[in-house]
């Protein structure tokens, strides 16, 4: 169905969410219509953040807002849905729009398979009434569903539209760009060169795909890398767990700005523990690029200042390859926790591939390599 029709049927004037490629039509519509406007549209750090924002909106206005997200975000909403929104607690109504990645029978990446299997069940277990929108769903069917949803919302309960692949159409064209010049894939190539045979933990999305292809282009083994294909925001914590238990080995974490924002508390834990053998590289393009390019707030946030406030002994921002190479080499030699924020452009190769090894193979090869260090 046309995305503008769905918007009209729902009838809300406040949207908050975390972008999803499955919901590109909706995301682009909101950006084209509102941009980032605190009165109408906020891109939040994570899905729990969105849910709480929606609750605050309802408390202030008495109206119902919409939270949009990929189905992987359902885990992040469980706590606020169960202990804040639920009608046994505050009875705060919210409309969720959930992109259904990994729908059974539809080919998708490994991190989406199980999540896809339990998408609807998780919503039902949270007592959220659901309606699935597919390519063949009519406007009339959605209108009927929304009419029944209004009765549910009036009781203080929550509802969800689950969006199948390709179900939303007529997305306006929106160009996402910044003024940075450094390309992420080349940044990763420089990190690989500097790190040598040190283990790397890389974040969700295109960064891990580009790391994989860099190894292929170099004729190198993939055993050095743990590709965090799912669990966005947790690669730095994985790297911390590795670094603590391999104290004599330099460990690198290749992170992204959206991932850092999603679970920023990890930086505080990192800063307090201060693993001397860990280098945290945050590639910051100010965008959720892997799912379409919608902006994050990281373009306006002082990540270096945050890292220092969290206890990182050393943190720096670079905006050129000359500065990057200098800081990478210094971090490799430094016996202290280091953070390097790298200003990055938006964009990737059209023919960027995906890892050809399975997640389990990646884990086993990485663990086997770690055991030799």
Protein backbone atom coordinates (compact mmCIF):
# COMPACT_ATOMS: atom_id res chain seq x y z
CA UNK A 1 0.00 0.00 0.00
CA UNK A 2 1.04 3.61 -0.44
CA UNK A 3 2.86 4.82 2.65
CA UNK A 4 0.97 8.12 2.70
CA UNK A 5 -2.29 6.16 2.88
CA UNK A 6 -1.05 4.23 5.93
CA UNK A 7 -0.07 7.52 7.58
CA UNK A 8 -3.54 8.96 6.97
CA UNK A 9 -5.29 5.84 8.25
CA UNK A 10 -3.30 5.81 11.50
CA UNK A 11 -3.86 9.53 11.99
CA UNK A 12 -1.03 10.29 14.42
CA UNK A 13 1.04 13.47 14.30
CA UNK A 14 4.07 12.18 16.23
CA UNK A 15 6.48 9.46 15.08
CA UNK A 16 9.62 8.20 16.74
CA UNK A 17 11.76 5.22 15.84
CA UNK A 18 14.94 3.53 14.75
CA UNK A 19 15.24 3.22 10.94
CA UNK A 20 14.77 -0.06 9.09
CA UNK A 21 15.35 -0.85 5.42
CA UNK A 22 12.06 -2.79 5.39
CA UNK A 23 10.37 0.48 6.36
CA UNK A 24 12.31 2.66 3.93
CA UNK A 25 9.13 4.07 2.41
CA UNK A 26 7.92 5.17 5.85
CA UNK A 27 11.32 6.51 6.91
CA UNK A 28 11.74 8.55 3.73
CA UNK A 29 8.17 9.84 3.99
CA UNK A 30 8.79 11.09 7.52
CA UNK A 31 12.09 12.70 6.54
CA UNK A 32 10.57 14.34 3.47
CA UNK A 33 7.53 15.56 5.41
CA UNK A 34 8.98 16.51 8.81
CA UNK A 35 12.73 16.02 8.71
CA UNK A 36 13.90 15.86 12.33
CA UNK A 37 11.28 17.85 14.21
CA UNK A 38 10.79 17.28 17.96
CA UNK A 39 7.09 18.08 17.59
CA UNK A 40 6.51 15.44 14.92
CA UNK A 41 9.48 13.14 14.31
CA UNK A 42 12.45 12.00 16.41
CA UNK A 43 14.97 9.31 15.48
CA UNK A 44 15.91 7.80 18.83
CA UNK A 45 18.97 5.94 20.09
CA UNK A 46 17.18 2.62 20.52
CA UNK A 47 13.68 1.20 20.48
CA UNK A 48 13.22 1.38 24.24
CA UNK A 49 14.11 5.07 24.00
CA UNK A 50 11.39 5.47 21.34
CA UNK A 51 8.82 3.74 23.51
CA UNK A 52 9.52 6.01 26.47
CA UNK A 53 9.35 9.07 24.19
CA UNK A 54 5.96 7.88 23.00
CA UNK A 55 4.85 7.53 26.62
CA UNK A 56 5.96 11.08 27.40
CA UNK A 57 4.11 12.36 24.34
CA UNK A 58 0.91 10.68 25.53
CA UNK A 59 1.29 12.03 29.07
CA UNK A 60 1.68 15.57 27.73
CA UNK A 61 -0.97 15.50 24.99
CA UNK A 62 -3.35 12.63 25.69
CA UNK A 63 -2.79 11.51 22.09
CA UNK A 64 -1.40 8.28 20.63
CA UNK A 65 1.96 8.27 18.88
CA UNK A 66 3.67 5.82 16.54
CA UNK A 67 6.92 3.93 17.19
CA UNK A 68 8.58 2.39 14.13
CA UNK A 69 11.40 -0.16 14.16
CA UNK A 70 12.90 -3.30 12.70
CA UNK A 71 11.69 -6.47 14.42
CA UNK A 72 15.16 -6.87 15.96
CA UNK A 73 14.17 -3.94 18.16
CA UNK A 74 11.39 -5.89 19.87
CA UNK A 75 13.90 -7.03 22.48
CA UNK A 76 14.59 -3.40 23.38
CA UNK A 77 10.91 -2.58 23.92
CA UNK A 78 10.02 -5.52 26.18
CA UNK A 79 10.87 -3.74 29.43
CA UNK A 80 9.07 -0.42 28.78
CA UNK A 81 6.11 -2.20 27.19
CA UNK A 82 5.73 -4.61 30.09
CA UNK A 83 6.51 -2.26 32.98
CA UNK A 84 5.46 1.15 31.64
CA UNK A 85 2.88 0.96 28.84
CA UNK A 86 0.98 -2.15 29.95
CA UNK A 87 -2.62 -1.63 31.05
CA UNK A 88 -1.80 -3.26 34.42
CA UNK A 89 0.68 -0.41 35.02
CA UNK A 90 0.09 3.01 33.37
CA UNK A 91 -2.10 1.92 30.44
CA UNK A 92 -0.34 4.07 27.83
CA UNK A 93 -1.45 3.35 24.24
CA UNK A 94 1.10 3.23 21.40
CA UNK A 95 0.92 2.16 17.77
CA UNK A 96 4.00 0.15 16.73
CA UNK A 97 5.05 -0.30 13.11
CA UNK A 98 7.42 -3.24 12.83
CA UNK A 99 9.46 -4.23 9.78
CA UNK A 100 9.37 -8.02 9.49
CA UNK A 101 12.91 -9.09 8.62
CA UNK A 102 13.49 -12.83 8.42
CA UNK A 103 9.85 -13.72 7.81
CA UNK A 104 9.64 -17.53 7.52
CA UNK A 105 9.91 -18.54 3.88
CA UNK A 106 11.63 -15.30 2.85
CA UNK A 107 15.41 -15.42 2.40
CA UNK A 108 17.29 -13.15 4.78
CA UNK A 109 20.53 -12.87 6.73
CA UNK A 110 21.31 -15.30 9.60
CA UNK A 111 20.78 -12.71 12.34
CA UNK A 112 17.19 -12.25 11.18
CA UNK A 113 16.12 -15.89 10.92
CA UNK A 114 15.12 -16.63 14.52
CA UNK A 115 13.97 -13.07 15.11
CA UNK A 116 11.69 -13.45 12.11
CA UNK A 117 10.25 -16.68 13.47
CA UNK A 118 9.24 -15.12 16.79
CA UNK A 119 8.28 -11.61 15.61
CA UNK A 120 4.52 -11.96 15.88
CA UNK A 121 4.69 -14.28 18.90
CA UNK A 122 6.75 -11.74 20.88
CA UNK A 123 4.19 -9.02 20.17
CA UNK A 124 1.33 -11.30 21.19
CA UNK A 125 3.20 -12.35 24.34
CA UNK A 126 3.44 -8.64 25.22
CA UNK A 127 -0.33 -8.40 24.74
CA UNK A 128 0.06 -6.22 21.66
CA UNK A 129 -2.69 -6.75 19.10
CA UNK A 130 -1.18 -7.24 15.62
CA UNK A 131 -2.18 -6.84 12.00
CA UNK A 132 0.12 -7.95 9.17
CA UNK A 133 0.40 -5.80 6.06
CA UNK A 134 1.63 -7.51 2.89
CA UNK A 135 1.84 -6.55 -0.77
CA UNK A 136 -1.74 -7.68 -1.38
CA UNK A 137 -3.30 -6.06 1.70
CA UNK A 138 -5.94 -3.53 0.66
CA UNK A 139 -6.45 -0.04 2.04
CA UNK A 140 -9.89 -1.12 3.20
CA UNK A 141 -8.44 -4.00 5.22
CA UNK A 142 -5.98 -1.65 6.93
CA UNK A 143 -8.77 0.84 7.65
CA UNK A 144 -10.83 -1.93 9.25
CA UNK A 145 -7.84 -3.05 11.31
CA UNK A 146 -7.19 0.50 12.49
CA UNK A 147 -10.84 0.92 13.43
CA UNK A 148 -10.66 -2.14 15.67
CA UNK A 149 -7.29 -0.96 16.99
CA UNK A 150 -8.83 2.33 18.12
CA UNK A 151 -11.08 0.42 20.51
CA UNK A 152 -8.02 -1.42 21.86
CA UNK A 153 -6.02 1.79 22.23
CA UNK A 154 -8.88 3.41 24.12
CA UNK A 155 -8.42 0.81 26.88
CA UNK A 156 -4.75 1.75 27.29
CA UNK A 157 -3.39 -1.21 25.37
CA UNK A 158 -0.92 -1.23 22.47
CA UNK A 159 -1.23 -2.36 18.86
CA UNK A 160 1.18 -3.15 16.02
CA UNK A 161 1.24 -3.20 12.25
CA UNK A 162 3.77 -5.80 11.09
CA UNK A 163 5.10 -4.90 7.65
CA UNK A 164 6.13 -7.61 5.21
CA UNK A 165 8.92 -7.06 2.69
CA UNK A 166 7.86 -4.72 -0.10
CA UNK A 167 4.46 -3.98 1.42
CA UNK A 168 4.90 -0.19 1.65
CA UNK A 169 5.35 1.73 -1.60
CA UNK A 170 5.63 5.24 -3.05
CA UNK A 171 8.58 6.33 -0.93
CA UNK A 172 9.68 9.87 -1.72
CA UNK A 173 13.31 10.24 -2.76
CA UNK A 174 15.52 11.58 0.00
CA UNK A 175 19.27 12.13 -0.36
CA UNK A 176 21.36 11.47 2.73
CA UNK A 177 24.86 12.96 2.78
CA UNK A 178 27.38 14.81 4.92
CA UNK A 179 30.49 16.89 4.31
CA UNK A 180 33.03 14.26 5.35
CA UNK A 181 35.41 12.90 2.72
CA UNK A 182 36.76 9.65 4.19
CA UNK A 183 35.08 6.49 2.85
CA UNK A 184 34.31 3.78 5.43
CA UNK A 185 35.69 0.87 3.40
CA UNK A 186 39.03 2.65 3.01
CA UNK A 187 39.00 3.50 6.72
CA UNK A 188 38.61 -0.21 7.46
CA UNK A 189 41.44 -1.04 5.07
CA UNK A 190 43.71 1.31 7.04
CA UNK A 191 42.61 -0.29 10.34
CA UNK A 192 43.36 -3.77 8.97
CA UNK A 193 46.82 -2.67 7.87
CA UNK A 194 47.60 -1.13 11.26
CA UNK A 195 46.19 -3.99 13.33
CA UNK A 196 48.23 -6.68 11.58
CA UNK A 197 47.31 -10.03 13.09
CA UNK A 198 45.51 -8.54 16.11
CA UNK A 199 41.90 -9.73 16.59
CA UNK A 200 39.13 -7.36 15.48
CA UNK A 201 35.52 -7.26 16.66
CA UNK A 202 33.39 -5.37 14.13
CA UNK A 203 29.91 -3.93 14.42
CA UNK A 204 26.64 -4.75 12.71
CA UNK A 205 25.98 -3.80 9.10
CA UNK A 206 28.19 -2.68 6.24
CA UNK A 207 31.30 -2.29 8.40
CA UNK A 208 31.49 -6.05 8.96
CA UNK A 209 30.75 -6.73 5.29
CA UNK A 210 33.54 -4.37 4.25
CA UNK A 211 35.94 -5.94 6.75
CA UNK A 212 35.16 -9.37 5.31
CA UNK A 213 35.78 -8.17 1.74
CA UNK A 214 38.98 -6.41 2.78
CA UNK A 215 40.35 -9.73 4.03
CA UNK A 216 39.35 -11.35 0.72
CA UNK A 217 41.05 -8.61 -1.31
CA UNK A 218 44.19 -8.95 0.83
CA UNK A 219 44.22 -12.75 0.58
CA UNK A 220 44.01 -12.91 4.38
CA UNK A 221 42.26 -15.33 6.70
CA UNK A 222 38.95 -14.36 8.31
CA UNK A 223 40.09 -15.95 11.58
CA UNK A 224 41.22 -12.56 12.91
CA UNK A 225 37.71 -11.09 12.91
CA UNK A 226 34.50 -11.54 14.86
CA UNK A 227 31.71 -10.10 12.71
CA UNK A 228 28.87 -8.95 14.97
CA UNK A 229 26.15 -9.46 12.36
CA UNK A 230 23.30 -8.88 14.85
CA UNK A 231 22.87 -7.44 18.36
CA UNK A 232 23.46 -3.84 17.29
CA UNK A 233 25.27 -1.75 19.86
CA UNK A 234 27.01 -4.63 21.60
CA UNK A 235 30.26 -5.09 19.64
CA UNK A 236 32.24 -2.94 22.10
CA UNK A 237 31.03 -5.07 25.00
CA UNK A 238 32.02 -8.22 23.12
CA UNK A 239 35.44 -6.69 22.50
CA UNK A 240 35.72 -5.76 26.19
CA UNK A 241 34.97 -9.35 27.20
CA UNK A 242 37.67 -10.60 24.85
CA UNK A 243 40.21 -7.97 25.91
CA UNK A 244 39.80 -8.66 29.63
CA UNK A 245 40.50 -12.33 29.07
CA UNK A 246 43.40 -11.82 26.63
CA UNK A 247 45.26 -9.08 28.53
CA UNK A 248 48.56 -9.53 26.67
CA UNK A 249 46.96 -9.26 23.23
CA UNK A 250 45.90 -6.03 21.51
CA UNK A 251 42.18 -6.16 20.64
CA UNK A 252 40.46 -3.79 18.20
CA UNK A 253 36.78 -2.87 18.04
CA UNK A 254 35.45 -1.35 14.81
CA UNK A 255 32.24 0.39 15.83
CA UNK A 256 29.66 2.71 14.29
CA UNK A 257 27.97 5.85 15.57
CA UNK A 258 24.45 4.39 15.50
CA UNK A 259 25.64 1.33 17.40
CA UNK A 260 27.47 3.42 20.00
CA UNK A 261 24.36 5.53 20.57
CA UNK A 262 22.11 2.50 20.87
CA UNK A 263 23.84 1.24 24.02
CA UNK A 264 26.09 4.09 25.10
CA UNK A 265 26.26 2.77 28.67
CA UNK A 266 28.84 0.29 27.35
CA UNK A 267 31.30 3.17 27.09
CA UNK A 268 30.97 3.85 30.80
CA UNK A 269 31.65 0.20 31.60
CA UNK A 270 34.62 0.28 29.24
CA UNK A 271 35.97 3.47 30.77
CA UNK A 272 35.74 2.16 34.33
CA UNK A 273 37.43 -1.17 33.49
CA UNK A 274 40.11 0.52 31.33
CA UNK A 275 41.45 -2.52 29.45
CA UNK A 276 44.93 -1.38 28.41
CA UNK A 277 44.92 -3.63 25.36
CA UNK A 278 41.72 -2.37 23.69
CA UNK A 279 41.40 0.12 20.83
CA UNK A 280 37.85 1.37 20.22
CA UNK A 281 37.49 2.84 16.71
CA UNK A 282 34.15 4.59 16.13
CA UNK A 283 33.44 5.28 12.45
CA UNK A 284 31.02 8.19 12.57
CA UNK A 285 29.04 9.13 9.46
CA UNK A 286 26.09 10.48 11.45
CA UNK A 287 23.76 8.03 9.75
CA UNK A 288 21.98 4.70 9.98
CA UNK A 289 23.50 3.92 6.60
CA UNK A 290 23.04 0.16 6.47
CA UNK A 291 19.25 0.57 6.63
CA UNK A 292 18.97 3.57 4.33
CA UNK A 293 20.98 6.55 5.56
CA UNK A 294 18.61 8.31 7.94
CA UNK A 295 20.52 10.53 10.39
CA UNK A 296 21.68 9.73 13.90
CA UNK A 297 22.34 12.45 16.48
CA UNK A 298 26.03 11.53 16.49
CA UNK A 299 26.81 14.29 14.03
CA UNK A 300 26.06 16.77 16.82
CA UNK A 301 27.44 14.81 19.78
CA UNK A 302 30.95 15.08 21.25
CA UNK A 303 31.85 11.38 21.33
CA UNK A 304 35.45 12.17 22.31
CA UNK A 305 34.23 14.21 25.26
CA UNK A 306 31.86 11.42 26.26
CA UNK A 307 34.64 8.83 26.08
CA UNK A 308 36.89 10.96 28.28
CA UNK A 309 34.06 11.57 30.75
CA UNK A 310 33.49 7.80 30.88
CA UNK A 311 37.11 7.26 31.86
CA UNK A 312 38.90 6.48 28.58
CA UNK A 313 42.52 7.57 29.19
CA UNK A 314 42.86 8.63 25.56
CA UNK A 315 40.30 9.71 22.96
CA UNK A 316 40.71 11.65 19.72
CA UNK A 317 38.79 12.56 16.56
CA UNK A 318 40.38 12.40 13.11
CA UNK A 319 39.16 13.63 9.74
CA UNK A 320 41.97 12.62 7.35
CA UNK A 321 43.84 9.44 6.50
CA UNK A 322 47.12 11.05 7.53
CA UNK A 323 45.75 11.69 11.03
CA UNK A 324 44.06 8.28 11.11
CA UNK A 325 47.27 6.39 10.30
CA UNK A 326 49.16 8.36 12.93
CA UNK A 327 46.54 7.61 15.61
CA UNK A 328 46.19 3.94 14.67
CA UNK A 329 49.92 3.40 15.01
CA UNK A 330 50.04 5.30 18.30
CA UNK A 331 47.09 3.29 19.66
CA UNK A 332 48.78 0.03 18.69
CA UNK A 333 51.86 1.03 20.67
CA UNK A 334 50.02 2.66 23.58
CA UNK A 335 49.44 0.54 26.65
CA UNK A 336 46.12 2.24 27.47
CA UNK A 337 42.48 2.04 26.44
CA UNK A 338 42.10 4.29 23.40
CA UNK A 339 39.18 5.61 21.39
CA UNK A 340 39.55 6.97 17.85
CA UNK A 341 36.51 8.65 16.33
CA UNK A 342 36.76 8.78 12.54
CA UNK A 343 34.72 11.31 10.55
CA UNK A 344 33.22 9.34 7.66
CA UNK A 345 31.18 10.03 4.54
CA UNK A 346 27.89 8.30 3.72
CA UNK A 347 28.03 5.69 0.98
CA UNK A 348 29.22 2.23 0.03
CA UNK A 349 29.93 0.22 -3.12
CA UNK A 350 26.82 -0.94 -4.97
CA UNK A 351 28.37 -4.40 -5.36
CA UNK A 352 29.33 -4.79 -1.70
CA UNK A 353 28.97 -8.47 -0.87
CA UNK A 354 28.11 -10.35 2.29
CA UNK A 355 30.16 -12.83 4.32
CA UNK A 356 30.34 -16.24 2.67
CA UNK A 357 31.05 -18.02 5.95
CA UNK A 358 28.27 -18.84 8.40
CA UNK A 359 28.00 -17.14 11.77
CA UNK A 360 28.98 -20.38 13.51
CA UNK A 361 32.01 -20.80 11.26
CA UNK A 362 33.03 -17.23 12.02
CA UNK A 363 32.73 -17.86 15.76
CA UNK A 364 34.68 -21.11 15.69
CA UNK A 365 37.51 -19.75 13.51
CA UNK A 366 37.81 -16.68 15.77
CA UNK A 367 37.82 -18.75 18.96
CA UNK A 368 40.41 -21.13 17.54
CA UNK A 369 42.64 -18.19 16.67
CA UNK A 370 42.19 -16.60 20.11
CA UNK A 371 43.22 -19.89 21.72
CA UNK A 372 46.63 -19.60 20.06
CA UNK A 373 47.34 -16.14 21.47
